[in-house]
Amino acid sequence: MRAIVIRDDQMLLMHRNKFGHEYYTLLGGGMHPGESAEHTLARELMEESSFQLVSARPVFIEESGDPYGTQYIYICEVQGDEPKLHASSDEAKLIEMGNVHTPMWVPIKDFASLKFRTDMLQKAIVYGLKHGFPQQAVLLDQQFLDSVQANIIAKKG
């Protein structure tokens, strides 16, 4: 489960330098046995930002391969001001091993140029920011990207 959180002209992202690999990604993580999608999002947002989940709507599905598997991406509304890792989170434990996990607000205008975890998801989010996010979850694949590109060309014409 991953959370797209937008507030004003900023997006909530996790800046990571994980074992020498530096990138940005959405906040979120895996489901625990018996958890619902909403409970997973709420738990992950609390662990990774100390924010409370207010609402969530599925917008994308991404096949990320091993070890991440299928990722369900939600547009979320949260309560909280400044993001900070919860002291008991897995990410806080990785910091003790020399890694960086910093939740932060990033200006939306800078998002397209960031080194993001997955290129396809980054392109889909950029499209969603400009043209609106889908009302139902859409599978992110080449067919989706082709339709996005065709839509952009049609709007320019």
Protein backbone atom coordinates (compact mmCIF):
# COMPACT_ATOMS: atom_id res chain seq x y z
CA MET A 1 0.00 0.00 0.00
CA ARG A 2 1.28 3.44 -0.93
CA ALA A 3 -0.12 6.89 -0.13
CA ILE A 4 -0.20 9.94 -2.38
CA VAL A 5 -0.67 12.84 0.03
CA ILE A 6 -1.05 16.34 -1.40
CA ARG A 7 -1.44 19.48 0.62
CA ASP A 8 -1.57 22.89 -1.01
CA ASP A 9 1.31 22.85 -3.51
CA GLN A 10 3.28 20.07 -1.82
CA MET A 11 3.42 16.27 -1.83
CA LEU A 12 4.45 14.08 1.09
CA LEU A 13 7.38 11.84 0.11
CA MET A 14 9.97 9.68 1.81
CA HIS A 15 13.57 10.57 0.98
CA ARG A 16 15.68 7.43 1.30
CA ASN A 17 19.31 6.52 1.16
CA LYS A 18 18.93 2.83 1.77
CA PHE A 19 22.20 0.92 1.76
CA GLY A 20 23.72 3.45 -0.67
CA HIS A 21 20.70 3.70 -3.01
CA GLU A 22 19.24 7.23 -2.83
CA TYR A 23 15.74 8.02 -4.09
CA TYR A 24 12.29 9.37 -3.20
CA THR A 25 9.19 7.24 -2.82
CA LEU A 26 5.64 7.37 -1.53
CA LEU A 27 5.01 6.53 2.09
CA GLY A 28 3.56 3.10 2.71
CA GLY A 29 4.40 -0.54 3.10
CA GLY A 30 3.17 -4.08 3.27
CA MET A 31 -0.01 -5.49 4.75
CA HIS A 32 0.12 -7.50 7.93
CA PRO A 33 -1.97 -10.69 8.02
CA GLY A 34 -5.62 -9.86 8.62
CA GLU A 35 -5.23 -6.13 7.92
CA SER A 36 -7.51 -4.21 5.61
CA ALA A 37 -6.09 -1.83 3.01
CA GLU A 38 -7.28 1.19 4.99
CA HIS A 39 -5.76 -0.13 8.22
CA THR A 40 -2.44 -0.75 6.44
CA LEU A 41 -2.41 2.80 5.08
CA ALA A 42 -3.29 4.25 8.48
CA ARG A 43 -0.57 2.23 10.24
CA GLU A 44 2.10 3.01 7.64
CA LEU A 45 1.29 6.74 7.59
CA MET A 46 1.48 6.84 11.39
CA GLU A 47 4.81 4.93 11.42
CA GLU A 48 6.41 6.90 8.59
CA SER A 49 5.04 10.41 9.19
CA SER A 50 3.13 10.46 12.51
CA PHE A 51 0.07 11.55 10.49
CA GLN A 52 -3.46 10.21 10.92
CA LEU A 53 -5.31 8.94 7.85
CA VAL A 54 -8.59 10.80 7.25
CA SER A 55 -9.64 9.33 3.89
CA ALA A 56 -8.24 7.18 1.08
CA ARG A 57 -9.29 6.40 -2.51
CA PRO A 58 -7.52 3.85 -4.73
CA VAL A 59 -6.08 5.38 -7.92
CA PHE A 60 -3.33 3.09 -9.26
CA ILE A 61 -2.16 -0.53 -9.17
CA GLU A 62 1.50 -1.16 -9.94
CA GLU A 63 3.20 -4.51 -10.47
CA SER A 64 6.58 -3.88 -8.82
CA GLY A 65 8.11 -7.35 -8.99
CA ASP A 66 10.12 -8.93 -6.19
CA PRO A 67 10.34 -8.18 -3.35
CA TYR A 68 7.52 -5.60 -3.47
CA GLY A 69 4.85 -7.41 -5.51
CA THR A 70 1.60 -5.66 -6.35
CA GLN A 71 1.38 -2.11 -4.99
CA TYR A 72 -1.98 -0.44 -4.44
CA ILE A 73 -1.66 3.34 -4.52
CA TYR A 74 -4.22 5.59 -2.84
CA ILE A 75 -4.80 9.32 -2.87
CA CYS A 76 -5.08 10.17 0.82
CA GLU A 77 -6.07 12.98 3.11
CA VAL A 78 -4.24 13.14 6.43
CA GLN A 79 -4.14 15.10 9.69
CA GLY A 80 -0.81 16.39 10.93
CA ASP A 81 1.63 19.20 10.27
CA GLU A 82 5.30 18.29 10.07
CA PRO A 83 6.11 14.68 9.16
CA LYS A 84 8.44 12.68 11.38
CA LEU A 85 9.25 9.00 11.72
CA HIS A 86 7.66 7.19 14.62
CA ALA A 87 10.44 5.99 16.92
CA SER A 88 9.32 2.35 16.72
CA SER A 89 9.06 2.21 12.90
CA ASP A 90 11.18 -0.12 10.76
CA GLU A 91 12.62 2.97 9.06
CA ALA A 92 13.80 4.39 12.39
CA LYS A 93 15.61 1.10 13.04
CA LEU A 94 17.30 1.30 9.61
CA ILE A 95 18.59 4.79 10.44
CA GLU A 96 20.56 3.19 13.27
CA MET A 97 22.32 1.13 10.55
CA GLY A 98 23.40 4.30 8.68
CA ASN A 99 20.46 4.63 6.28
CA VAL A 100 18.39 7.77 5.69
CA HIS A 101 14.59 7.73 5.82
CA THR A 102 13.21 11.26 5.96
CA PRO A 103 9.51 11.99 5.40
CA MET A 104 9.14 15.47 3.91
CA TRP A 105 6.90 17.85 2.06
CA VAL A 106 8.25 18.40 -1.47
CA PRO A 107 6.99 21.14 -3.81
CA ILE A 108 4.80 19.58 -6.51
CA LYS A 109 6.64 21.63 -9.15
CA ASP A 110 9.84 19.67 -8.30
CA PHE A 111 8.28 16.20 -8.29
CA ALA A 112 8.82 15.33 -11.99
CA SER A 113 12.57 15.95 -11.71
CA LEU A 114 13.20 13.89 -8.56
CA LYS A 115 14.92 10.52 -8.59
CA PHE A 116 11.77 8.54 -7.82
CA ARG A 117 11.56 4.83 -6.98
CA THR A 118 9.59 3.83 -10.09
CA ASP A 119 9.46 5.74 -13.35
CA MET A 120 6.00 4.54 -14.41
CA LEU A 121 4.38 5.56 -11.12
CA GLN A 122 6.13 8.93 -11.24
CA LYS A 123 4.74 9.56 -14.75
CA ALA A 124 1.25 8.51 -13.63
CA ILE A 125 1.38 10.85 -10.62
CA VAL A 126 2.61 13.76 -12.77
CA TYR A 127 -0.31 13.12 -15.13
CA GLY A 128 -2.73 12.92 -12.18
CA LEU A 129 -1.45 16.19 -10.75
CA LYS A 130 -2.02 17.97 -14.07
CA HIS A 131 -5.23 16.31 -15.26
CA GLY A 132 -6.82 14.73 -12.18
CA PHE A 133 -6.47 11.26 -10.68
CA PRO A 134 -8.66 8.38 -11.86
CA GLN A 135 -11.92 7.79 -10.00
CA GLN A 136 -11.17 4.04 -9.83
CA ALA A 137 -7.85 2.23 -9.58
CA VAL A 138 -6.03 1.90 -12.91
CA LEU A 139 -3.35 -0.70 -13.65
CA LEU A 140 -0.08 1.01 -14.51
CA ASP A 141 1.32 -0.63 -17.63
CA GLN A 142 2.49 0.38 -21.09
CA GLN A 143 -1.10 0.53 -22.36
CA PHE A 144 -1.92 3.07 -19.63
CA LEU A 145 1.16 5.17 -20.47
CA ASP A 146 0.27 5.05 -24.19
CA SER A 147 -3.27 6.26 -23.44
CA VAL A 148 -1.90 9.04 -21.20
CA GLN A 149 0.45 10.14 -23.98
CA ALA A 150 -2.37 10.07 -26.56
CA ASN A 151 -4.58 12.12 -24.20
CA ILE A 152 -1.85 14.73 -23.71
CA ILE A 153 -1.33 15.02 -27.47
CA ALA A 154 -5.09 15.32 -28.06
CA LYS A 155 -5.37 18.12 -25.47
CA LYS A 156 -2.52 20.04 -27.14
CA GLY A 157 -4.15 19.69 -30.56
